[in-house]
C-alpha atoms as a PDB file:
ATOM      1  CA  UNK A   1      19.963 -22.773 -31.475  1.00  0.00           C
ATOM      2  CA  UNK A   2      22.830 -21.330 -30.496  1.00  0.00           C
ATOM      3  CA  UNK A   3      22.913 -18.140 -28.490  1.00  0.00           C
ATOM      4  CA  UNK A   4      25.524 -14.928 -29.285  1.00  0.00           C
ATOM      5  CA  UNK A   5      28.376 -14.327 -27.619  1.00  0.00           C
ATOM      6  CA  UNK A   6      26.865 -11.304 -25.208  1.00  0.00           C
ATOM      7  CA  UNK A   7      27.717 -11.320 -21.420  1.00  0.00           C
ATOM      8  CA  UNK A   8      23.727 -11.759 -19.960  1.00  0.00           C
ATOM      9  CA  UNK A   9      24.688 -11.161 -16.699  1.00  0.00           C
ATOM     10  CA  UNK A  10      26.433  -7.680 -17.261  1.00  0.00           C
ATOM     11  CA  UNK A  11      23.556  -6.678 -19.702  1.00  0.00           C
ATOM     12  CA  UNK A  12      22.104  -3.000 -18.890  1.00  0.00           C
ATOM     13  CA  UNK A  13      18.376  -1.640 -19.804  1.00  0.00           C
ATOM     14  CA  UNK A  14      19.732  -0.395 -23.402  1.00  0.00           C
ATOM     15  CA  UNK A  15      19.395  -0.492 -26.877  1.00  0.00           C
ATOM     16  CA  UNK A  16      21.621  -3.506 -28.544  1.00  0.00           C
ATOM     17  CA  UNK A  17      20.925  -3.670 -32.063  1.00  0.00           C
ATOM     18  CA  UNK A  18      19.241  -7.761 -33.128  1.00  0.00           C
ATOM     19  CA  UNK A  19      18.874  -8.807 -36.878  1.00  0.00           C
ATOM     20  CA  UNK A  20      15.727  -8.703 -37.811  1.00  0.00           C
ATOM     21  CA  UNK A  21      12.856  -6.023 -37.279  1.00  0.00           C
ATOM     22  CA  UNK A  22       9.169  -6.451 -38.602  1.00  0.00           C
ATOM     23  CA  UNK A  23       8.246  -3.333 -40.952  1.00  0.00           C
ATOM     24  CA  UNK A  24       4.779  -2.573 -42.730  1.00  0.00           C
ATOM     25  CA  UNK A  25       4.005   0.724 -44.357  1.00  0.00           C
ATOM     26  CA  UNK A  26      -0.240   2.112 -44.540  1.00  0.00           C
ATOM     27  CA  UNK A  27      -0.904   4.129 -47.708  1.00  0.00           C
ATOM     28  CA  UNK A  28      -3.914   4.968 -50.157  1.00  0.00           C
ATOM     29  CA  UNK A  29      -6.037   3.777 -47.022  1.00  0.00           C
ATOM     30  CA  UNK A  30      -4.778   0.635 -46.458  1.00  0.00           C
ATOM     31  CA  UNK A  31      -1.648  -1.693 -44.230  1.00  0.00           C
ATOM     32  CA  UNK A  32       0.696  -4.072 -46.528  1.00  0.00           C
ATOM     33  CA  UNK A  33       1.746  -7.202 -46.053  1.00  0.00           C
ATOM     34  CA  UNK A  34       4.710  -6.156 -44.078  1.00  0.00           C
ATOM     35  CA  UNK A  35       8.070  -8.185 -43.673  1.00  0.00           C
ATOM     36  CA  UNK A  36      11.227  -8.640 -41.400  1.00  0.00           C
ATOM     37  CA  UNK A  37      14.186  -6.920 -42.539  1.00  0.00           C
ATOM     38  CA  UNK A  38      17.793  -5.782 -41.251  1.00  0.00           C
ATOM     39  CA  UNK A  39      18.283  -2.253 -41.891  1.00  0.00           C
ATOM     40  CA  UNK A  40      17.729  -0.383 -38.867  1.00  0.00           C
ATOM     41  CA  UNK A  41      17.714   2.643 -40.391  1.00  0.00           C
ATOM     42  CA  UNK A  42      14.391   5.012 -41.312  1.00  0.00           C
ATOM     43  CA  UNK A  43      14.095   7.541 -43.599  1.00  0.00           C
ATOM     44  CA  UNK A  44      11.176   9.572 -44.026  1.00  0.00           C
ATOM     45  CA  UNK A  45      10.277  12.709 -45.313  1.00  0.00           C
ATOM     46  CA  UNK A  46      11.655  16.193 -43.394  1.00  0.00           C
ATOM     47  CA  UNK A  47       7.126  17.408 -43.035  1.00  0.00           C
ATOM     48  CA  UNK A  48       6.544  13.750 -42.331  1.00  0.00           C
ATOM     49  CA  UNK A  49       3.690  13.820 -39.833  1.00  0.00           C
ATOM     50  CA  UNK A  50       6.020  12.659 -36.377  1.00  0.00           C
ATOM     51  CA  UNK A  51       8.409  15.621 -37.082  1.00  0.00           C
ATOM     52  CA  UNK A  52       5.769  18.273 -37.285  1.00  0.00           C
ATOM     53  CA  UNK A  53       2.931  17.348 -34.647  1.00  0.00           C
ATOM     54  CA  UNK A  54       4.033  14.742 -32.916  1.00  0.00           C
ATOM     55  CA  UNK A  55       1.894  11.502 -34.132  1.00  0.00           C
ATOM     56  CA  UNK A  56       3.208   8.378 -32.386  1.00  0.00           C
ATOM     57  CA  UNK A  57       2.405   5.519 -30.273  1.00  0.00           C
ATOM     58  CA  UNK A  58       4.272   2.760 -28.532  1.00  0.00           C
ATOM     59  CA  UNK A  59       4.608  -0.015 -27.133  1.00  0.00           C
ATOM     60  CA  UNK A  60       6.549  -2.368 -24.680  1.00  0.00           C
ATOM     61  CA  UNK A  61       6.419  -6.297 -23.528  1.00  0.00           C
ATOM     62  CA  UNK A  62       9.716  -9.244 -23.780  1.00  0.00           C
ATOM     63  CA  UNK A  63       9.946 -12.681 -24.929  1.00  0.00           C
ATOM     64  CA  UNK A  64      11.253 -15.038 -22.332  1.00  0.00           C
ATOM     65  CA  UNK A  65      13.509 -18.460 -21.807  1.00  0.00           C
ATOM     66  CA  UNK A  66      11.157 -20.237 -19.876  1.00  0.00           C
ATOM     67  CA  UNK A  67      12.326 -23.364 -16.900  1.00  0.00           C
ATOM     68  CA  UNK A  68      11.538 -25.596 -19.463  1.00  0.00           C
ATOM     69  CA  UNK A  69      13.637 -23.729 -22.806  1.00  0.00           C
ATOM     70  CA  UNK A  70      10.272 -22.266 -24.193  1.00  0.00           C
ATOM     71  CA  UNK A  71      10.718 -18.703 -25.334  1.00  0.00           C
ATOM     72  CA  UNK A  72       7.660 -17.296 -24.613  1.00  0.00           C
ATOM     73  CA  UNK A  73       5.497 -13.347 -24.508  1.00  0.00           C
ATOM     74  CA  UNK A  74       3.101 -12.169 -21.388  1.00  0.00           C
ATOM     75  CA  UNK A  75      -0.065 -11.345 -22.733  1.00  0.00           C
ATOM     76  CA  UNK A  76       0.990  -9.925 -26.401  1.00  0.00           C
ATOM     77  CA  UNK A  77      -3.196  -9.389 -26.433  1.00  0.00           C
ATOM     78  CA  UNK A  78      -2.972  -6.574 -24.186  1.00  0.00           C
ATOM     79  CA  UNK A  79      -0.951  -4.744 -25.927  1.00  0.00           C
ATOM     80  CA  UNK A  80      -2.098  -5.058 -29.396  1.00  0.00           C
ATOM     81  CA  UNK A  81      -5.806  -3.863 -27.951  1.00  0.00           C
ATOM     82  CA  UNK A  82      -3.621  -1.025 -25.818  1.00  0.00           C
ATOM     83  CA  UNK A  83      -1.904  -0.040 -29.497  1.00  0.00           C
ATOM     84  CA  UNK A  84      -5.401   0.010 -30.827  1.00  0.00           C
ATOM     85  CA  UNK A  85      -6.998   2.642 -28.305  1.00  0.00           C
ATOM     86  CA  UNK A  86      -3.410   4.635 -28.802  1.00  0.00           C
ATOM     87  CA  UNK A  87      -4.010   4.797 -32.685  1.00  0.00           C
ATOM     88  CA  UNK A  88      -7.910   5.530 -32.350  1.00  0.00           C
ATOM     89  CA  UNK A  89      -7.059   8.568 -30.307  1.00  0.00           C
ATOM     90  CA  UNK A  90      -3.987  10.050 -31.991  1.00  0.00           C
ATOM     91  CA  UNK A  91      -6.152  10.099 -35.827  1.00  0.00           C
ATOM     92  CA  UNK A  92      -4.316   6.771 -37.346  1.00  0.00           C
ATOM     93  CA  UNK A  93      -4.685   3.706 -38.286  1.00  0.00           C
ATOM     94  CA  UNK A  94      -5.236   1.110 -36.692  1.00  0.00           C
ATOM     95  CA  UNK A  95      -2.859  -1.984 -36.778  1.00  0.00           C
ATOM     96  CA  UNK A  96      -5.426  -5.283 -36.431  1.00  0.00           C
ATOM     97  CA  UNK A  97      -4.149  -7.268 -33.330  1.00  0.00           C
ATOM     98  CA  UNK A  98      -3.908 -10.596 -34.906  1.00  0.00           C
ATOM     99  CA  UNK A  99      -0.792  -8.905 -37.502  1.00  0.00           C
ATOM    100  CA  UNK A 100       0.002  -7.650 -34.328  1.00  0.00           C
ATOM    101  CA  UNK A 101       0.101 -10.294 -32.347  1.00  0.00           C
ATOM    102  CA  UNK A 102       1.641 -12.468 -35.619  1.00  0.00           C
ATOM    103  CA  UNK A 103       4.462  -9.881 -35.904  1.00  0.00           C
ATOM    104  CA  UNK A 104       5.578 -10.451 -32.379  1.00  0.00           C
ATOM    105  CA  UNK A 105       6.431 -13.884 -33.804  1.00  0.00           C
ATOM    106  CA  UNK A 106       8.279 -13.231 -36.546  1.00  0.00           C
ATOM    107  CA  UNK A 107      10.247 -11.207 -34.491  1.00  0.00           C
ATOM    108  CA  UNK A 108      11.058 -12.615 -31.834  1.00  0.00           C
ATOM    109  CA  UNK A 109      11.145 -16.513 -33.783  1.00  0.00           C
ATOM    110  CA  UNK A 110      13.783 -13.985 -35.880  1.00  0.00           C
ATOM    111  CA  UNK A 111      15.724 -12.399 -33.041  1.00  0.00           C
ATOM    112  CA  UNK A 112      15.945 -15.863 -30.771  1.00  0.00           C
ATOM    113  CA  UNK A 113      19.856 -15.941 -30.920  1.00  0.00           C
ATOM    114  CA  UNK A 114      19.296 -12.867 -28.533  1.00  0.00           C
ATOM    115  CA  UNK A 115      16.379 -14.197 -26.266  1.00  0.00           C
ATOM    116  CA  UNK A 116      18.735 -14.676 -22.587  1.00  0.00           C
ATOM    117  CA  UNK A 117      19.424 -17.970 -21.208  1.00  0.00           C
ATOM    118  CA  UNK A 118      16.777 -18.735 -18.406  1.00  0.00           C
ATOM    119  CA  UNK A 119      17.940 -17.837 -15.050  1.00  0.00           C
ATOM    120  CA  UNK A 120      20.088 -14.862 -16.366  1.00  0.00           C
ATOM    121  CA  UNK A 121      18.181 -12.281 -15.180  1.00  0.00           C
ATOM    122  CA  UNK A 122      17.782 -10.877 -18.618  1.00  0.00           C
ATOM    123  CA  UNK A 123      14.861 -10.728 -21.028  1.00  0.00           C
ATOM    124  CA  UNK A 124      14.565  -9.878 -24.624  1.00  0.00           C
ATOM    125  CA  UNK A 125      12.140  -6.620 -24.867  1.00  0.00           C
ATOM    126  CA  UNK A 126       9.929  -5.970 -28.080  1.00  0.00           C
ATOM    127  CA  UNK A 127       9.262  -2.178 -28.654  1.00  0.00           C
ATOM    128  CA  UNK A 128       6.055  -1.663 -31.381  1.00  0.00           C
ATOM    129  CA  UNK A 129       6.007   1.532 -32.463  1.00  0.00           C
ATOM    130  CA  UNK A 130       3.847   4.064 -35.451  1.00  0.00           C
ATOM    131  CA  UNK A 131       3.923   7.040 -36.474  1.00  0.00           C
ATOM    132  CA  UNK A 132       3.241   9.292 -39.348  1.00  0.00           C
ATOM    133  CA  UNK A 133       5.188   9.308 -42.201  1.00  0.00           C
ATOM    134  CA  UNK A 134       3.547  11.533 -45.077  1.00  0.00           C
ATOM    135  CA  UNK A 135       4.135  14.859 -45.189  1.00  0.00           C
ATOM    136  CA  UNK A 136       2.132  17.039 -42.944  1.00  0.00           C
ATOM    137  CA  UNK A 137       2.567  21.275 -42.645  1.00  0.00           C
ATOM    138  CA  UNK A 138      -0.794  21.787 -42.255  1.00  0.00           C
ATOM    139  CA  UNK A 139      -2.513  20.454 -38.739  1.00  0.00           C
ATOM    140  CA  UNK A 140      -3.776  17.361 -39.543  1.00  0.00           C
ATOM    141  CA  UNK A 141      -3.627  13.221 -39.135  1.00  0.00           C
ATOM    142  CA  UNK A 142      -1.098  12.291 -41.504  1.00  0.00           C
ATOM    143  CA  UNK A 143      -2.045  10.166 -44.720  1.00  0.00           C
ATOM    144  CA  UNK A 144       0.412   7.826 -44.565  1.00  0.00           C
ATOM    145  CA  UNK A 145       1.987   5.506 -41.765  1.00  0.00           C
ATOM    146  CA  UNK A 146       4.742   2.944 -40.788  1.00  0.00           C
ATOM    147  CA  UNK A 147       4.399   0.332 -37.973  1.00  0.00           C
ATOM    148  CA  UNK A 148       7.843  -1.403 -37.437  1.00  0.00           C
ATOM    149  CA  UNK A 149       8.522  -3.404 -33.968  1.00  0.00           C
ATOM    150  CA  UNK A 150      12.143  -4.252 -33.116  1.00  0.00           C
ATOM    151  CA  UNK A 151      13.921  -6.294 -29.768  1.00  0.00           C
ATOM    152  CA  UNK A 152      16.740  -5.000 -28.054  1.00  0.00           C
ATOM    153  CA  UNK A 153      18.078  -7.635 -24.795  1.00  0.00           C
ATOM    154  CA  UNK A 154      18.239  -6.366 -21.518  1.00  0.00           C
ATOM    155  CA  UNK A 155      19.622  -6.800 -18.614  1.00  0.00           C
ATOM    156  CA  UNK A 156      17.903  -7.275 -15.042  1.00  0.00           C
ATOM    157  CA  UNK A 157      15.507  -3.911 -14.470  1.00  0.00           C
ATOM    158  CA  UNK A 158      17.671  -4.227 -10.432  1.00  0.00           C
ATOM    159  CA  UNK A 159      21.696  -5.401 -10.175  1.00  0.00           C
ATOM    160  CA  UNK A 160      22.041  -6.961  -7.196  1.00  0.00           C
ATOM    161  CA  UNK A 161      17.978  -6.519  -6.132  1.00  0.00           C
ATOM    162  CA  UNK A 162      15.185  -4.229  -6.267  1.00  0.00           C
ATOM    163  CA  UNK A 163      16.210  -1.645  -2.864  1.00  0.00           C
ATOM    164  CA  UNK A 164      13.505   0.195  -2.209  1.00  0.00           C
ATOM    165  CA  UNK A 165      13.185   3.643  -4.028  1.00  0.00           C
ATOM    166  CA  UNK A 166      12.438   7.657  -2.813  1.00  0.00           C
ATOM    167  CA  UNK A 167      10.532   9.535  -4.895  1.00  0.00           C
ATOM    168  CA  UNK A 168       8.892  12.923  -4.690  1.00  0.00           C
ATOM    169  CA  UNK A 169       5.958  14.775  -5.066  1.00  0.00           C
ATOM    170  CA  UNK A 170       5.804  16.518  -8.864  1.00  0.00           C
ATOM    171  CA  UNK A 171       5.022  19.870  -8.769  1.00  0.00           C
ATOM    172  CA  UNK A 172       4.360  18.699 -13.058  1.00  0.00           C
ATOM    173  CA  UNK A 173       1.192  17.364 -14.345  1.00  0.00           C
ATOM    174  CA  UNK A 174       1.321  14.654 -16.327  1.00  0.00           C
ATOM    175  CA  UNK A 175      -1.829  14.582 -18.738  1.00  0.00           C
ATOM    176  CA  UNK A 176      -5.056  16.941 -18.392  1.00  0.00           C
ATOM    177  CA  UNK A 177      -8.566  15.387 -17.679  1.00  0.00           C
ATOM    178  CA  UNK A 178      -9.987  14.049 -21.140  1.00  0.00           C
ATOM    179  CA  UNK A 179      -6.789  14.349 -22.150  1.00  0.00           C
ATOM    180  CA  UNK A 180      -4.223  11.521 -23.653  1.00  0.00           C
ATOM    181  CA  UNK A 181      -2.679  10.381 -20.041  1.00  0.00           C
ATOM    182  CA  UNK A 182      -4.449   7.059 -21.014  1.00  0.00           C
ATOM    183  CA  UNK A 183      -2.937   6.052 -23.903  1.00  0.00           C
ATOM    184  CA  UNK A 184       0.934   5.124 -24.548  1.00  0.00           C
ATOM    185  CA  UNK A 185       1.914   8.118 -26.992  1.00  0.00           C
ATOM    186  CA  UNK A 186       4.906   9.224 -27.444  1.00  0.00           C
ATOM    187  CA  UNK A 187       4.289  13.083 -26.696  1.00  0.00           C
ATOM    188  CA  UNK A 188       3.302  11.929 -22.957  1.00  0.00           C
ATOM    189  CA  UNK A 189       6.608  10.207 -22.667  1.00  0.00           C
ATOM    190  CA  UNK A 190       8.417  13.784 -23.789  1.00  0.00           C
ATOM    191  CA  UNK A 191       6.254  15.944 -21.875  1.00  0.00           C
ATOM    192  CA  UNK A 192       7.590  13.838 -18.680  1.00  0.00           C
ATOM    193  CA  UNK A 193      11.472  14.286 -19.589  1.00  0.00           C
ATOM    194  CA  UNK A 194      11.950  17.542 -17.797  1.00  0.00           C
ATOM    195  CA  UNK A 195      10.119  16.671 -14.428  1.00  0.00           C
ATOM    196  CA  UNK A 196      11.899  13.169 -14.418  1.00  0.00           C
ATOM    197  CA  UNK A 197      15.540  15.215 -14.858  1.00  0.00           C
ATOM    198  CA  UNK A 198      14.328  17.340 -12.548  1.00  0.00           C
ATOM    199  CA  UNK A 199      13.830  15.110 -10.070  1.00  0.00           C
ATOM    200  CA  UNK A 200      17.104  12.786 -10.640  1.00  0.00           C
ATOM    201  CA  UNK A 201      19.145  15.621  -9.896  1.00  0.00           C
ATOM    202  CA  UNK A 202      16.959  17.000  -7.386  1.00  0.00           C
ATOM    203  CA  UNK A 203      18.126  12.909  -5.800  1.00  0.00           C
ATOM    204  CA  UNK A 204      14.720  11.580  -6.653  1.00  0.00           C
ATOM    205  CA  UNK A 205      14.682   8.517  -8.233  1.00  0.00           C
ATOM    206  CA  UNK A 206      10.980   8.991  -9.964  1.00  0.00           C
ATOM    207  CA  UNK A 207       7.671  11.484  -9.713  1.00  0.00           C
ATOM    208  CA  UNK A 208       4.643  10.875  -7.951  1.00  0.00           C
ATOM    209  CA  UNK A 209       1.750  12.594 -10.226  1.00  0.00           C
ATOM    210  CA  UNK A 210      -1.262  14.132  -9.024  1.00  0.00           C
ATOM    211  CA  UNK A 211      -4.799  14.874 -11.421  1.00  0.00           C
ATOM    212  CA  UNK A 212      -4.497  18.029 -12.825  1.00  0.00           C
ATOM    213  CA  UNK A 213      -7.524  18.861 -12.074  1.00  0.00           C
ATOM    214  CA  UNK A 214      -7.577  19.152  -8.452  1.00  0.00           C
ATOM    215  CA  UNK A 215      -4.012  17.567  -6.814  1.00  0.00           C
ATOM    216  CA  UNK A 216      -5.586  15.313  -4.626  1.00  0.00           C
ATOM    217  CA  UNK A 217      -5.335  12.056  -5.884  1.00  0.00           C
ATOM    218  CA  UNK A 218      -2.582  10.047  -7.303  1.00  0.00           C
ATOM    219  CA  UNK A 219      -2.273   9.453 -10.333  1.00  0.00           C
ATOM    220  CA  UNK A 220       0.541   7.586 -11.779  1.00  0.00           C
ATOM    221  CA  UNK A 221       4.829   8.348 -12.737  1.00  0.00           C
ATOM    222  CA  UNK A 222       5.763   9.129 -15.745  1.00  0.00           C
ATOM    223  CA  UNK A 223       6.133   5.495 -17.066  1.00  0.00           C
ATOM    224  CA  UNK A 224       4.744   3.632 -14.432  1.00  0.00           C
ATOM    225  CA  UNK A 225       1.196   2.577 -12.646  1.00  0.00           C
ATOM    226  CA  UNK A 226       0.998   2.756  -8.290  1.00  0.00           C
ATOM    227  CA  UNK A 227       0.240  -0.324  -6.367  1.00  0.00           C
ATOM    228  CA  UNK A 228       0.090   0.310  -2.691  1.00  0.00           C
ATOM    229  CA  UNK A 229      -0.770  -2.233   0.302  1.00  0.00           C
ATOM    230  CA  UNK A 230      -3.067  -1.452   3.616  1.00  0.00           C
ATOM    231  CA  UNK A 231      -1.837  -2.334   7.308  1.00  0.00           C
ATOM    232  CA  UNK A 232      -4.216  -5.093   6.753  1.00  0.00           C
ATOM    233  CA  UNK A 233      -3.028  -6.218   3.472  1.00  0.00           C
ATOM    234  CA  UNK A 234      -5.838  -4.931   1.082  1.00  0.00           C
ATOM    235  CA  UNK A 235      -4.033  -3.939  -2.186  1.00  0.00           C
ATOM    236  CA  UNK A 236      -5.175  -0.956  -3.726  1.00  0.00           C
ATOM    237  CA  UNK A 237      -4.686   0.312  -7.629  1.00  0.00           C
ATOM    238  CA  UNK A 238      -5.889   4.439  -8.200  1.00  0.00           C
ATOM    239  CA  UNK A 239      -8.399   4.728 -10.641  1.00  0.00           C
ATOM    240  CA  UNK A 240      -8.592   7.595 -12.822  1.00  0.00           C
ATOM    241  CA  UNK A 241      -9.805   8.208 -16.819  1.00  0.00           C
ATOM    242  CA  UNK A 242      -6.097   9.779 -17.219  1.00  0.00           C
ATOM    243  CA  UNK A 243      -3.810   6.780 -15.522  1.00  0.00           C
ATOM    244  CA  UNK A 244      -2.625   4.563 -18.130  1.00  0.00           C
ATOM    245  CA  UNK A 245      -3.524   1.225 -18.056  1.00  0.00           C
ATOM    246  CA  UNK A 246      -0.953  -1.175 -17.333  1.00  0.00           C
ATOM    247  CA  UNK A 247      -0.660  -4.829 -18.340  1.00  0.00           C
ATOM    248  CA  UNK A 248       1.548  -5.453 -15.548  1.00  0.00           C
ATOM    249  CA  UNK A 249      -0.848  -3.823 -12.924  1.00  0.00           C
ATOM    250  CA  UNK A 250      -3.673  -5.576 -14.266  1.00  0.00           C
ATOM    251  CA  UNK A 251      -1.719  -8.681 -14.013  1.00  0.00           C
ATOM    252  CA  UNK A 252      -0.730  -8.329 -10.469  1.00  0.00           C
ATOM    253  CA  UNK A 253      -3.835  -7.078  -9.150  1.00  0.00           C
ATOM    254  CA  UNK A 254      -5.556 -10.783 -10.609  1.00  0.00           C
ATOM    255  CA  UNK A 255      -2.731 -12.437  -8.745  1.00  0.00           C
ATOM    256  CA  UNK A 256      -3.445 -10.663  -5.706  1.00  0.00           C
ATOM    257  CA  UNK A 257      -6.727 -11.925  -5.435  1.00  0.00           C
ATOM    258  CA  UNK A 258      -6.637 -15.838  -7.754  1.00  0.00           C
ATOM    259  CA  UNK A 259      -3.170 -16.496  -6.314  1.00  0.00           C
ATOM    260  CA  UNK A 260      -2.383 -14.948  -3.328  1.00  0.00           C
ATOM    261  CA  UNK A 261      -6.041 -14.723  -1.562  1.00  0.00           C
ATOM    262  CA  UNK A 262      -5.764 -11.059  -0.662  1.00  0.00           C
ATOM    263  CA  UNK A 263      -8.389  -8.263  -0.840  1.00  0.00           C
ATOM    264  CA  UNK A 264      -8.217  -5.783  -4.006  1.00  0.00           C
ATOM    265  CA  UNK A 265      -9.856  -2.661  -4.610  1.00  0.00           C
ATOM    266  CA  UNK A 266      -9.414   0.048  -8.255  1.00  0.00           C
ATOM    267  CA  UNK A 267     -10.581   3.487  -6.842  1.00  0.00           C
ATOM    268  CA  UNK A 268      -9.606   6.886  -6.305  1.00  0.00           C
ATOM    269  CA  UNK A 269      -6.569   7.378  -3.908  1.00  0.00           C
ATOM    270  CA  UNK A 270      -6.456  10.859  -2.172  1.00  0.00           C
ATOM    271  CA  UNK A 271      -2.987  11.692  -1.441  1.00  0.00           C
ATOM    272  CA  UNK A 272      -3.401  12.185   1.775  1.00  0.00           C
ATOM    273  CA  UNK A 273      -4.248   8.661   2.293  1.00  0.00           C
ATOM    274  CA  UNK A 274      -0.897   7.700   1.383  1.00  0.00           C
ATOM    275  CA  UNK A 275       0.930   7.864   4.802  1.00  0.00           C
ATOM    276  CA  UNK A 276      -1.813   5.317   6.263  1.00  0.00           C
ATOM    277  CA  UNK A 277      -0.864   2.363   3.887  1.00  0.00           C
ATOM    278  CA  UNK A 278       2.200  -0.304   4.236  1.00  0.00           C
ATOM    279  CA  UNK A 279       3.301  -0.610   1.274  1.00  0.00           C
ATOM    280  CA  UNK A 280       4.484   1.064  -1.961  1.00  0.00           C
ATOM    281  CA  UNK A 281       5.442   0.272  -5.370  1.00  0.00           C
ATOM    282  CA  UNK A 282       6.128   0.479  -8.934  1.00  0.00           C
ATOM    283  CA  UNK A 283       4.596  -1.322 -11.318  1.00  0.00           C
ATOM    284  CA  UNK A 284       5.193  -1.819 -15.403  1.00  0.00           C
ATOM    285  CA  UNK A 285       6.746  -4.119 -18.415  1.00  0.00           C
ATOM    286  CA  UNK A 286      10.177  -3.133 -17.165  1.00  0.00           C
ATOM    287  CA  UNK A 287      10.911  -4.240 -13.544  1.00  0.00           C
ATOM    288  CA  UNK A 288       7.153  -5.572 -12.902  1.00  0.00           C
ATOM    289  CA  UNK A 289       7.561  -3.587  -9.089  1.00  0.00           C
ATOM    290  CA  UNK A 290       9.696  -0.963  -8.028  1.00  0.00           C
ATOM    291  CA  UNK A 291       9.391  -0.635  -4.337  1.00  0.00           C
ATOM    292  CA  UNK A 292       8.949   2.439  -2.863  1.00  0.00           C
ATOM    293  CA  UNK A 293      10.293   3.163   0.531  1.00  0.00           C
ATOM    294  CA  UNK A 294       9.735   7.079   1.032  1.00  0.00           C
ATOM    295  CA  UNK A 295       7.745   9.641  -0.871  1.00  0.00           C
ATOM    296  CA  UNK A 296       8.591  13.641  -0.022  1.00  0.00           C
ATOM    297  CA  UNK A 297       6.182  16.224  -0.377  1.00  0.00           C
ATOM    298  CA  UNK A 298       7.678  19.754   0.152  1.00  0.00           C
ATOM    299  CA  UNK A 299      10.106  18.656   2.144  1.00  0.00           C
ATOM    300  CA  UNK A 300       7.482  16.731   4.308  1.00  0.00           C
ATOM    301  CA  UNK A 301       8.905  12.735   4.152  1.00  0.00           C
ATOM    302  CA  UNK A 302       6.671  10.133   3.831  1.00  0.00           C
ATOM    303  CA  UNK A 303       8.122   6.977   5.246  1.00  0.00           C
ATOM    304  CA  UNK A 304       6.430   3.883   4.335  1.00  0.00           C
ATOM    305  CA  UNK A 305       6.726   1.146   7.146  1.00  0.00           C
ATOM    306  CA  UNK A 306       8.425  -1.991   4.413  1.00  0.00           C
ATOM    307  CA  UNK A 307      11.544   0.782   4.832  1.00  0.00           C
ATOM    308  CA  UNK A 308      14.442   1.273   2.565  1.00  0.00           C
ATOM    309  CA  UNK A 309      16.366  -2.001   2.522  1.00  0.00           C
ATOM    310  CA  UNK A 310      13.599  -4.412   0.512  1.00  0.00           C
ATOM    311  CA  UNK A 311      10.669  -4.916  -0.691  1.00  0.00           C
ATOM    312  CA  UNK A 312       7.588  -5.274   1.159  1.00  0.00           C
ATOM    313  CA  UNK A 313       6.639  -8.540   1.874  1.00  0.00           C
ATOM    314  CA  UNK A 314       3.182  -8.584   0.003  1.00  0.00           C
ATOM    315  CA  UNK A 315       5.251  -6.631  -2.641  1.00  0.00           C
ATOM    316  CA  UNK A 316       7.145  -9.033  -2.657  1.00  0.00           C
ATOM    317  CA  UNK A 317       4.741 -11.947  -3.221  1.00  0.00           C
ATOM    318  CA  UNK A 318       3.256 -10.063  -5.691  1.00  0.00           C
ATOM    319  CA  UNK A 319       6.526  -9.701  -7.535  1.00  0.00           C
ATOM    320  CA  UNK A 320       8.065 -13.509  -7.350  1.00  0.00           C
ATOM    321  CA  UNK A 321       4.439 -14.709  -8.127  1.00  0.00           C
ATOM    322  CA  UNK A 322       3.891 -13.300 -11.374  1.00  0.00           C
ATOM    323  CA  UNK A 323       7.493 -12.995 -12.355  1.00  0.00           C
ATOM    324  CA  UNK A 324       6.494 -17.005 -11.729  1.00  0.00           C
ATOM    325  CA  UNK A 325       4.164 -17.071 -13.974  1.00  0.00           C
ATOM    326  CA  UNK A 326       5.880 -15.125 -17.231  1.00  0.00           C
ATOM    327  CA  UNK A 327       9.455 -17.780 -16.411  1.00  0.00           C
ATOM    328  CA  UNK A 328       6.968 -20.835 -16.005  1.00  0.00           C
ATOM    329  CA  UNK A 329       7.820 -22.296 -12.400  1.00  0.00           C
ATOM    330  CA  UNK A 330       4.210 -21.421 -12.086  1.00  0.00           C
ATOM    331  CA  UNK A 331       0.982 -21.968 -13.787  1.00  0.00           C
ATOM    332  CA  UNK A 332      -0.941 -19.086 -15.449  1.00  0.00           C
ATOM    333  CA  UNK A 333      -3.962 -17.880 -15.866  1.00  0.00           C
ATOM    334  CA  UNK A 334      -5.340 -19.083 -19.459  1.00  0.00           C
ATOM    335  CA  UNK A 335      -4.477 -17.358 -22.509  1.00  0.00           C
ATOM    336  CA  UNK A 336      -1.352 -15.234 -20.502  1.00  0.00           C
ATOM    337  CA  UNK A 337       1.670 -16.779 -21.713  1.00  0.00           C
ATOM    338  CA  UNK A 338       2.150 -17.090 -25.448  1.00  0.00           C
ATOM    339  CA  UNK A 339       4.774 -19.800 -26.646  1.00  0.00           C
ATOM    340  CA  UNK A 340       6.630 -18.406 -29.791  1.00  0.00           C
ATOM    341  CA  UNK A 341       8.924 -21.404 -29.803  1.00  0.00           C
END
């Protein structure tokens, strides 16, 4: 198979249209079979539920070329399950798990020429999403929906290596207790836009959100879970009902325990404890781990011992091991790698 003529090494993290996308429609209480289509445009009613009341959710995963030349995805079953949870919470029809995985297989195979070659640092990003397409004027769920999945080749999240970032403790709340913070709803990300733009204008890379109820516990950033390393080498992640269950973070905790022999702990993390940690990282699909070197709490700086020059030693081992699993250099746990071609 001949690859597209793309400068893989200079790809950014943005949208590049590919040849095919998967589309399925829900009407009269059932999903149709769905199909691959070439048209990237969407036509919906001006009164569509998504436009009136933000009834939409999405997912994000990647396809990779492994060391032995196969095209694979990483744990798509968990993306399917998380989207089911999102749909249930937003009163949207569930798109079946097996159909979700079939759609991933179809859309990646159809766009195989856009999957970057092994060693390029680039990947094929896959974006499944669903929205209320039927007209709604009263505040209620739509009766018609569309599920779509498109792909776009993206470059390495860190060009020139992963340099530690500086984040701030935000005055804004990301999610309310008993709200929608635990699902991947579009409205959560819309709410975070003002805060992230403000953070960037103030010279920070990201926000650290605290729990909305007491503002004493670490939650997450606008789009990633936190991972901390104690001075004695324990890997700790915050636990809260309003944190999105990151697939990357859950995988890293298994890697820490099963591959690196480290003690792991998922528990509420008081912000007062942050200054005692040796390393900090942000976990997500795009970067796997973004190292954090400094956290600023209203002018007071917390400088992690791992520094501002490179990833901390345990964070780097976690990053190298998980990316090695994804790229086929390290044997994966059963079921983690889903081969497409």
